[in-house]
Amino acid sequence: MAVKPRPEWIALAVAGAFAIGMPIALLLPGKAGKGAAQAPVPAPIGAGTMPDLARAYERPLFGGTEPAEAPADAPQLVGIVGRLNVDAVALVKASDGATRTLRIGESIDGWSLASLAIDAAFFTRGAERVRVPLPIGPDGGEAAPGEAGQ
């Protein structure tokens, strides 16, 4: 093992003392630890302005407004069959009560099927565009599970 010359040992000792002493000096209270002024802790965001929880639950989750109701003469959507953007067709009840299948671009009662979504159909008549959702549950016209055939 080679013996290191004295200047290297002195430099090594000074660096070690600095590495140990500096964090301790910054953590100790007193003049040495007062180098930087502490920043004030900000108040929590929205403190004191929390909305009533019931009002928060009444708002729609996505979007700002409720969708507009479809006109009374718009076709009623009964179901969607097939793969969207491939071969899907809409099962639609006409104004005379008959059920038909419509492909995108076909019309019924003056309304043209513009597009299909997983839970709705979009119809156009002139410049008017409406979204007709699928009926859900007993109130929407579909039979609830266990009620089929009654």
Protein backbone atom coordinates (compact mmCIF):
# COMPACT_ATOMS: atom_id res chain seq x y z
CA MET A 1 0.00 0.00 0.00
CA ALA A 2 1.37 3.34 -1.01
CA VAL A 3 1.55 6.13 1.51
CA LYS A 4 -0.23 9.27 0.37
CA PRO A 5 1.60 12.55 0.61
CA ARG A 6 0.50 14.97 3.30
CA PRO A 7 -1.36 17.56 1.06
CA GLU A 8 -3.76 14.86 -0.22
CA TRP A 9 -4.58 13.77 3.35
CA ILE A 10 -5.26 17.35 4.37
CA ALA A 11 -7.55 17.92 1.36
CA LEU A 12 -9.37 14.66 2.06
CA ALA A 13 -9.87 15.57 5.73
CA VAL A 14 -11.20 19.05 4.86
CA ALA A 15 -13.64 17.62 2.29
CA GLY A 16 -14.90 15.00 4.78
CA ALA A 17 -15.38 17.58 7.53
CA PHE A 18 -17.25 19.84 5.14
CA ALA A 19 -19.50 16.97 3.95
CA ILE A 20 -20.43 16.07 7.53
CA GLY A 21 -20.51 19.56 9.04
CA MET A 22 -22.53 21.43 6.43
CA PRO A 23 -25.80 19.46 6.74
CA ILE A 24 -25.54 19.57 10.52
CA ALA A 25 -25.00 23.34 10.47
CA LEU A 26 -28.06 23.84 8.27
CA LEU A 27 -30.29 21.72 10.49
CA LEU A 28 -29.29 23.30 13.81
CA PRO A 29 -31.34 26.30 15.00
CA GLY A 30 -29.44 29.49 15.39
CA LYS A 31 -27.52 31.84 13.16
CA ALA A 32 -26.09 29.10 10.97
CA GLY A 33 -29.53 27.64 10.11
CA LYS A 34 -31.18 30.98 9.26
CA GLY A 35 -29.65 31.29 5.81
CA ALA A 36 -32.92 31.04 3.89
CA ALA A 37 -36.21 32.54 5.02
CA GLN A 38 -39.02 30.03 5.25
CA ALA A 39 -41.77 30.51 2.68
CA PRO A 40 -45.27 30.94 4.09
CA VAL A 41 -47.49 27.88 3.79
CA PRO A 42 -50.35 28.64 1.37
CA ALA A 43 -53.94 27.94 2.33
CA PRO A 44 -55.51 24.85 0.78
CA ILE A 45 -57.08 25.38 -2.63
CA GLY A 46 -60.72 26.30 -2.30
CA ALA A 47 -60.60 26.56 1.50
CA GLY A 48 -63.94 27.84 2.69
CA THR A 49 -65.48 27.72 -0.78
CA MET A 50 -66.41 24.04 -1.00
CA PRO A 51 -69.69 23.56 -2.89
CA ASP A 52 -72.58 21.84 -1.25
CA LEU A 53 -72.03 18.11 -1.80
CA ALA A 54 -75.61 17.55 -2.96
CA ARG A 55 -75.17 20.16 -5.71
CA ALA A 56 -71.95 18.47 -6.84
CA TYR A 57 -73.79 15.16 -7.28
CA GLU A 58 -76.57 16.82 -9.29
CA ARG A 59 -74.19 18.11 -11.98
CA PRO A 60 -73.48 15.96 -15.02
CA LEU A 61 -70.12 14.22 -14.77
CA PHE A 62 -68.95 15.02 -18.30
CA GLY A 63 -70.16 18.07 -20.15
CA GLY A 64 -71.89 21.17 -18.98
CA THR A 65 -75.50 20.68 -19.98
CA GLU A 66 -78.06 17.95 -20.20
CA PRO A 67 -78.76 16.73 -23.75
CA ALA A 68 -81.81 18.22 -25.40
CA GLU A 69 -84.87 16.02 -25.69
CA ALA A 70 -85.53 14.56 -29.13
CA PRO A 71 -88.58 15.95 -30.95
CA ALA A 72 -91.79 13.97 -30.54
CA ASP A 73 -91.80 12.96 -34.22
CA ALA A 74 -88.22 11.59 -34.11
CA PRO A 75 -87.92 7.82 -34.55
CA GLN A 76 -87.72 5.70 -31.42
CA LEU A 77 -84.55 3.62 -31.14
CA VAL A 78 -85.27 0.04 -30.09
CA GLY A 79 -81.76 -1.39 -30.42
CA ILE A 80 -78.45 -1.49 -32.26
CA VAL A 81 -77.24 -4.71 -33.86
CA GLY A 82 -73.81 -5.44 -35.35
CA ARG A 83 -70.35 -3.95 -35.07
CA LEU A 84 -70.09 -0.16 -35.01
CA ASN A 85 -68.31 1.34 -38.03
CA VAL A 86 -68.51 -2.04 -39.79
CA ASP A 87 -71.99 -3.50 -40.23
CA ALA A 88 -74.18 -2.03 -37.48
CA VAL A 89 -77.87 -1.36 -38.09
CA ALA A 90 -80.41 0.44 -35.93
CA LEU A 91 -83.72 -1.12 -34.96
CA VAL A 92 -86.15 1.77 -35.14
CA LYS A 93 -89.87 2.06 -34.39
CA ALA A 94 -91.66 4.16 -37.01
CA SER A 95 -94.58 6.49 -36.35
CA ASP A 96 -97.03 3.76 -37.47
CA GLY A 97 -95.63 1.38 -34.81
CA ALA A 98 -93.75 -0.89 -37.22
CA THR A 99 -90.13 -1.77 -36.44
CA ARG A 100 -87.54 -1.47 -39.20
CA THR A 101 -83.80 -1.86 -39.53
CA LEU A 102 -81.89 1.15 -40.85
CA ARG A 103 -78.36 1.39 -42.15
CA ILE A 104 -76.49 4.68 -41.98
CA GLY A 105 -77.86 6.97 -44.68
CA GLU A 106 -81.34 5.38 -44.82
CA SER A 107 -84.44 7.34 -43.81
CA ILE A 108 -87.66 6.82 -41.90
CA ASP A 109 -90.48 9.35 -41.41
CA GLY A 110 -88.33 12.13 -42.88
CA TRP A 111 -85.39 11.46 -40.52
CA SER A 112 -82.11 10.15 -41.92
CA LEU A 113 -79.83 7.94 -39.80
CA ALA A 114 -76.55 9.88 -39.67
CA SER A 115 -74.46 7.75 -37.30
CA LEU A 116 -74.55 5.19 -34.52
CA ALA A 117 -72.90 5.16 -31.12
CA ILE A 118 -72.76 2.38 -28.56
CA ASP A 119 -75.81 3.77 -26.74
CA ALA A 120 -77.56 6.08 -29.20
CA ALA A 121 -78.42 6.90 -32.79
CA PHE A 122 -78.02 10.29 -34.43
CA PHE A 123 -80.71 11.37 -36.90
CA THR A 124 -80.82 14.42 -39.17
CA ARG A 125 -83.70 16.22 -40.85
CA GLY A 126 -82.56 19.21 -42.85
CA ALA A 127 -80.30 21.23 -40.53
CA GLU A 128 -81.75 19.59 -37.42
CA ARG A 129 -79.65 16.91 -35.69
CA VAL A 130 -80.94 14.86 -32.74
CA ARG A 131 -79.49 12.16 -30.51
CA VAL A 132 -81.92 9.35 -29.71
CA PRO A 133 -80.64 7.21 -26.81
CA LEU A 134 -81.36 3.54 -26.29
CA PRO A 135 -84.18 2.97 -23.81
CA ILE A 136 -82.94 1.66 -20.46
CA GLY A 137 -84.88 -0.16 -17.76
CA PRO A 138 -88.62 -0.47 -17.13
CA ASP A 139 -89.31 3.26 -17.65
CA GLY A 140 -87.50 3.29 -20.99
CA GLY A 141 -89.58 0.58 -22.54
CA GLU A 142 -87.20 -2.39 -22.23
CA ALA A 143 -88.16 -5.28 -20.03
CA ALA A 144 -86.19 -5.51 -16.82
CA PRO A 145 -84.25 -8.75 -16.27
CA GLY A 146 -86.66 -11.49 -15.26
CA GLU A 147 -89.71 -9.73 -16.72
CA ALA A 148 -89.45 -11.05 -20.29
CA GLY A 149 -92.60 -12.78 -21.45
CA GLN A 150 -94.88 -11.30 -18.77
